[in-house]
Amino acid sequence: MASVLEFRLTGGASNSDPDSSLGGTTSSNEVSATAMNNLFDNVTPTEASSGDNEYRAIDIWNSGDATAENVNVYMSTETSSSDSQLKFYNDGSTHDGTDQGDTIADESTPPDGSSFSHYTSGSKLSLPNIPAGNGTRLWIKRIISASASNTPSDQGTITVEYA
């Protein structure tokens, strides 16, 4: 078998709640396409009015038996609302799924030392090679602009490419 990359929640070995995916131990639960559409909670009227930044940590996990090389992540489809945007951060390390010590207190607290950027197909975030049975932490920042309009089912597509 080759390398096989999955999106996995964080927040504990059996965590299945995207709202609790705030770092720490890699979950055994893969983030399904449905869950990726709901990785963040709904934007409240107050958040839409004043603007809001929220954070999630997912692991890009190699469940295959070969190292994933030349790994890149980016937004292949932008969010459907012009009032929202996703940005990414990765510290360049890999891990075996145990607690990485990078848990945030709540969804409004950025991870220490992070510098988020927006990545597209023309400007991809290069991730480290990921050995089999290991992952790399991807922090995602959702930005909601102040005075955001109501956009039901706002979504975009995060793509990971690798060899």
C-alpha atoms as a PDB file:
ATOM      1  CA  MET A   1       0.000   0.000   0.000  1.00  0.00           C
ATOM      2  CA  ALA A   2       1.127   3.578  -0.608  1.00  0.00           C
ATOM      3  CA  SER A   3       0.737   6.612   1.636  1.00  0.00           C
ATOM      4  CA  VAL A   4      -2.878   7.480   2.454  1.00  0.00           C
ATOM      5  CA  LEU A   5      -3.587  10.895   3.960  1.00  0.00           C
ATOM      6  CA  GLU A   6      -6.665  11.567   6.089  1.00  0.00           C
ATOM      7  CA  PHE A   7      -7.977  14.609   7.929  1.00  0.00           C
ATOM      8  CA  ARG A   8      -8.356  13.728  11.613  1.00  0.00           C
ATOM      9  CA  LEU A   9      -9.774  15.695  14.498  1.00  0.00           C
ATOM     10  CA  THR A  10      -7.651  16.516  17.541  1.00  0.00           C
ATOM     11  CA  GLY A  11      -8.706  16.920  21.160  1.00  0.00           C
ATOM     12  CA  GLY A  12      -8.361  13.351  22.383  1.00  0.00           C
ATOM     13  CA  ALA A  13      -7.985   9.838  21.012  1.00  0.00           C
ATOM     14  CA  SER A  14     -11.743   9.310  20.613  1.00  0.00           C
ATOM     15  CA  ASN A  15     -12.912  12.897  20.050  1.00  0.00           C
ATOM     16  CA  SER A  16     -15.664  13.143  17.437  1.00  0.00           C
ATOM     17  CA  ASP A  17     -16.731  16.750  18.121  1.00  0.00           C
ATOM     18  CA  PRO A  18     -15.227  19.334  15.728  1.00  0.00           C
ATOM     19  CA  ASP A  19     -15.871  22.067  18.332  1.00  0.00           C
ATOM     20  CA  SER A  20     -13.389  20.261  20.627  1.00  0.00           C
ATOM     21  CA  SER A  21     -10.730  19.934  17.924  1.00  0.00           C
ATOM     22  CA  LEU A  22      -8.450  22.458  19.629  1.00  0.00           C
ATOM     23  CA  GLY A  23      -5.136  20.574  19.624  1.00  0.00           C
ATOM     24  CA  GLY A  24      -3.597  17.906  21.814  1.00  0.00           C
ATOM     25  CA  THR A  25      -3.802  14.215  20.978  1.00  0.00           C
ATOM     26  CA  THR A  26      -4.839  13.091  17.493  1.00  0.00           C
ATOM     27  CA  SER A  27      -8.291  11.545  17.353  1.00  0.00           C
ATOM     28  CA  SER A  28      -8.835   8.163  15.747  1.00  0.00           C
ATOM     29  CA  ASN A  29     -11.860   9.764  14.070  1.00  0.00           C
ATOM     30  CA  GLU A  30     -11.351  10.857  10.510  1.00  0.00           C
ATOM     31  CA  VAL A  31     -13.041  14.109   9.559  1.00  0.00           C
ATOM     32  CA  SER A  32     -15.655  13.110   7.022  1.00  0.00           C
ATOM     33  CA  ALA A  33     -16.684  15.367   4.176  1.00  0.00           C
ATOM     34  CA  THR A  34     -19.826  16.203   6.144  1.00  0.00           C
ATOM     35  CA  ALA A  35     -17.826  17.096   9.251  1.00  0.00           C
ATOM     36  CA  MET A  36     -15.413  19.265   7.243  1.00  0.00           C
ATOM     37  CA  ASN A  37     -18.474  21.266   6.179  1.00  0.00           C
ATOM     38  CA  ASN A  38     -19.167  21.694   9.900  1.00  0.00           C
ATOM     39  CA  LEU A  39     -15.642  22.062  11.253  1.00  0.00           C
ATOM     40  CA  PHE A  40     -16.664  25.446  12.671  1.00  0.00           C
ATOM     41  CA  ASP A  41     -19.892  26.298  14.451  1.00  0.00           C
ATOM     42  CA  ASN A  42     -22.541  28.578  12.990  1.00  0.00           C
ATOM     43  CA  VAL A  43     -21.792  32.287  13.019  1.00  0.00           C
ATOM     44  CA  THR A  44     -24.037  34.073  15.508  1.00  0.00           C
ATOM     45  CA  PRO A  45     -25.643  37.454  14.684  1.00  0.00           C
ATOM     46  CA  THR A  46     -23.257  39.105  17.182  1.00  0.00           C
ATOM     47  CA  GLU A  47     -20.201  37.497  15.516  1.00  0.00           C
ATOM     48  CA  ALA A  48     -21.458  38.538  12.069  1.00  0.00           C
ATOM     49  CA  SER A  49     -21.972  42.092  13.258  1.00  0.00           C
ATOM     50  CA  SER A  50     -18.652  42.579  15.073  1.00  0.00           C
ATOM     51  CA  GLY A  51     -16.485  40.092  13.151  1.00  0.00           C
ATOM     52  CA  ASP A  52     -14.927  36.949  14.590  1.00  0.00           C
ATOM     53  CA  ASN A  53     -11.794  34.813  14.418  1.00  0.00           C
ATOM     54  CA  GLU A  54     -11.964  31.142  15.440  1.00  0.00           C
ATOM     55  CA  TYR A  55      -9.396  28.329  15.368  1.00  0.00           C
ATOM     56  CA  ARG A  56      -9.400  24.566  14.870  1.00  0.00           C
ATOM     57  CA  ALA A  57      -6.605  22.008  14.827  1.00  0.00           C
ATOM     58  CA  ILE A  58      -6.778  18.983  12.573  1.00  0.00           C
ATOM     59  CA  ASP A  59      -4.073  16.491  11.803  1.00  0.00           C
ATOM     60  CA  ILE A  60      -3.179  15.387   8.329  1.00  0.00           C
ATOM     61  CA  TRP A  61      -2.565  11.739   9.162  1.00  0.00           C
ATOM     62  CA  ASN A  62      -0.766   9.104   7.061  1.00  0.00           C
ATOM     63  CA  SER A  63      -2.632   5.821   7.546  1.00  0.00           C
ATOM     64  CA  GLY A  64      -0.726   4.138   4.705  1.00  0.00           C
ATOM     65  CA  ASP A  65       2.562   2.265   4.873  1.00  0.00           C
ATOM     66  CA  ALA A  66       4.817   4.621   2.878  1.00  0.00           C
ATOM     67  CA  THR A  67       5.999   8.167   3.553  1.00  0.00           C
ATOM     68  CA  ALA A  68       3.860  10.896   1.982  1.00  0.00           C
ATOM     69  CA  GLU A  69       6.204  13.301   0.204  1.00  0.00           C
ATOM     70  CA  ASN A  70       5.807  16.704  -1.426  1.00  0.00           C
ATOM     71  CA  VAL A  71       2.750  17.426   0.729  1.00  0.00           C
ATOM     72  CA  ASN A  72       0.904  20.688   0.057  1.00  0.00           C
ATOM     73  CA  VAL A  73      -2.385  22.115   1.342  1.00  0.00           C
ATOM     74  CA  TYR A  74      -4.502  24.965  -0.030  1.00  0.00           C
ATOM     75  CA  MET A  75      -8.023  26.200  -0.672  1.00  0.00           C
ATOM     76  CA  SER A  76      -9.062  24.714  -4.014  1.00  0.00           C
ATOM     77  CA  THR A  77     -12.499  26.312  -3.687  1.00  0.00           C
ATOM     78  CA  GLU A  78     -12.808  29.538  -1.722  1.00  0.00           C
ATOM     79  CA  THR A  79     -15.508  29.958   0.896  1.00  0.00           C
ATOM     80  CA  SER A  80     -18.874  30.745  -0.638  1.00  0.00           C
ATOM     81  CA  SER A  81     -19.221  33.943   1.403  1.00  0.00           C
ATOM     82  CA  SER A  82     -17.139  36.990   0.563  1.00  0.00           C
ATOM     83  CA  ASP A  83     -17.310  37.773   4.309  1.00  0.00           C
ATOM     84  CA  SER A  84     -15.362  34.668   5.393  1.00  0.00           C
ATOM     85  CA  GLN A  85     -11.903  33.277   4.743  1.00  0.00           C
ATOM     86  CA  LEU A  86      -9.810  30.328   5.929  1.00  0.00           C
ATOM     87  CA  LYS A  87      -6.107  30.663   6.702  1.00  0.00           C
ATOM     88  CA  PHE A  88      -3.625  27.936   7.665  1.00  0.00           C
ATOM     89  CA  TYR A  89      -0.603  27.427   9.890  1.00  0.00           C
ATOM     90  CA  ASN A  90       1.778  24.467  10.224  1.00  0.00           C
ATOM     91  CA  ASP A  91       4.978  24.430  12.302  1.00  0.00           C
ATOM     92  CA  GLY A  92       6.799  22.021   9.960  1.00  0.00           C
ATOM     93  CA  SER A  93       6.930  19.070  12.367  1.00  0.00           C
ATOM     94  CA  THR A  94       5.452  15.583  12.327  1.00  0.00           C
ATOM     95  CA  HIS A  95       4.291  13.505  15.290  1.00  0.00           C
ATOM     96  CA  ASP A  96       3.009  10.079  16.288  1.00  0.00           C
ATOM     97  CA  GLY A  97      -0.403  11.279  17.458  1.00  0.00           C
ATOM     98  CA  THR A  98       0.363  11.771  21.139  1.00  0.00           C
ATOM     99  CA  ASP A  99      -0.368  15.087  22.860  1.00  0.00           C
ATOM    100  CA  GLN A 100       1.660  17.756  21.086  1.00  0.00           C
ATOM    101  CA  GLY A 101       1.326  20.296  23.901  1.00  0.00           C
ATOM    102  CA  ASP A 102      -0.292  22.778  21.562  1.00  0.00           C
ATOM    103  CA  THR A 103      -3.830  22.753  22.889  1.00  0.00           C
ATOM    104  CA  ILE A 104      -5.641  26.090  22.951  1.00  0.00           C
ATOM    105  CA  ALA A 105      -7.991  27.102  25.773  1.00  0.00           C
ATOM    106  CA  ASP A 106     -10.950  27.884  23.514  1.00  0.00           C
ATOM    107  CA  GLU A 107     -11.804  28.482  19.866  1.00  0.00           C
ATOM    108  CA  SER A 108     -11.034  32.204  20.133  1.00  0.00           C
ATOM    109  CA  THR A 109      -7.438  31.758  21.312  1.00  0.00           C
ATOM    110  CA  PRO A 110      -4.745  31.472  18.607  1.00  0.00           C
ATOM    111  CA  PRO A 111      -2.025  28.851  19.082  1.00  0.00           C
ATOM    112  CA  ASP A 112       1.283  30.210  20.428  1.00  0.00           C
ATOM    113  CA  GLY A 113       3.807  31.346  17.831  1.00  0.00           C
ATOM    114  CA  SER A 114       1.423  30.953  14.917  1.00  0.00           C
ATOM    115  CA  SER A 115       1.477  32.971  11.736  1.00  0.00           C
ATOM    116  CA  PHE A 116      -1.532  32.266   9.526  1.00  0.00           C
ATOM    117  CA  SER A 117      -1.684  32.829   5.767  1.00  0.00           C
ATOM    118  CA  HIS A 118      -4.199  32.193   3.017  1.00  0.00           C
ATOM    119  CA  TYR A 119      -3.142  29.560   0.464  1.00  0.00           C
ATOM    120  CA  THR A 120      -4.516  28.929  -3.018  1.00  0.00           C
ATOM    121  CA  SER A 121      -3.631  26.644  -5.931  1.00  0.00           C
ATOM    122  CA  GLY A 122      -1.121  29.295  -7.012  1.00  0.00           C
ATOM    123  CA  SER A 123       0.443  29.592  -3.554  1.00  0.00           C
ATOM    124  CA  LYS A 124       0.329  26.340  -1.571  1.00  0.00           C
ATOM    125  CA  LEU A 125       1.422  25.680   2.018  1.00  0.00           C
ATOM    126  CA  SER A 126       4.271  23.179   1.893  1.00  0.00           C
ATOM    127  CA  LEU A 127       4.034  20.599   4.685  1.00  0.00           C
ATOM    128  CA  PRO A 128       6.761  18.212   5.882  1.00  0.00           C
ATOM    129  CA  ASN A 129       7.047  14.675   4.520  1.00  0.00           C
ATOM    130  CA  ILE A 130       4.743  12.537   6.674  1.00  0.00           C
ATOM    131  CA  PRO A 131       5.993   9.045   7.627  1.00  0.00           C
ATOM    132  CA  ALA A 132       3.511   6.161   7.831  1.00  0.00           C
ATOM    133  CA  GLY A 133       1.648   6.170  11.149  1.00  0.00           C
ATOM    134  CA  ASN A 134       2.370   9.856  11.735  1.00  0.00           C
ATOM    135  CA  GLY A 135       0.726  13.188  11.129  1.00  0.00           C
ATOM    136  CA  THR A 136       1.329  16.892  10.954  1.00  0.00           C
ATOM    137  CA  ARG A 137      -0.821  19.500  12.704  1.00  0.00           C
ATOM    138  CA  LEU A 138      -2.765  21.927  10.530  1.00  0.00           C
ATOM    139  CA  TRP A 139      -4.221  24.903  12.353  1.00  0.00           C
ATOM    140  CA  ILE A 140      -7.130  26.565  10.583  1.00  0.00           C
ATOM    141  CA  LYS A 141      -8.269  30.109  11.276  1.00  0.00           C
ATOM    142  CA  ARG A 142     -11.756  31.146  10.185  1.00  0.00           C
ATOM    143  CA  ILE A 143     -12.123  34.886   9.748  1.00  0.00           C
ATOM    144  CA  ILE A 144     -15.572  36.468   9.662  1.00  0.00           C
ATOM    145  CA  SER A 145     -15.549  40.115   8.570  1.00  0.00           C
ATOM    146  CA  ALA A 146     -17.421  42.732  10.576  1.00  0.00           C
ATOM    147  CA  SER A 147     -20.911  43.436   9.194  1.00  0.00           C
ATOM    148  CA  ALA A 148     -20.946  40.007   7.499  1.00  0.00           C
ATOM    149  CA  SER A 149     -24.071  39.164   5.553  1.00  0.00           C
ATOM    150  CA  ASN A 150     -26.029  35.994   6.261  1.00  0.00           C
ATOM    151  CA  THR A 151     -24.698  33.131   4.116  1.00  0.00           C
ATOM    152  CA  PRO A 152     -26.425  29.808   4.778  1.00  0.00           C
ATOM    153  CA  SER A 153     -24.120  26.798   4.444  1.00  0.00           C
ATOM    154  CA  ASP A 154     -20.934  28.802   3.834  1.00  0.00           C
ATOM    155  CA  GLN A 155     -18.302  26.313   2.699  1.00  0.00           C
ATOM    156  CA  GLY A 156     -15.049  25.933   0.799  1.00  0.00           C
ATOM    157  CA  THR A 157     -12.734  23.077  -0.148  1.00  0.00           C
ATOM    158  CA  ILE A 158      -9.404  22.320   1.540  1.00  0.00           C
ATOM    159  CA  THR A 159      -7.186  20.200  -0.697  1.00  0.00           C
ATOM    160  CA  VAL A 160      -4.078  18.191   0.183  1.00  0.00           C
ATOM    161  CA  GLU A 161      -1.748  17.025  -2.582  1.00  0.00           C
ATOM    162  CA  TYR A 162       1.097  14.559  -2.076  1.00  0.00           C
ATOM    163  CA  ALA A 163       3.260  11.985  -3.750  1.00  0.00           C
END
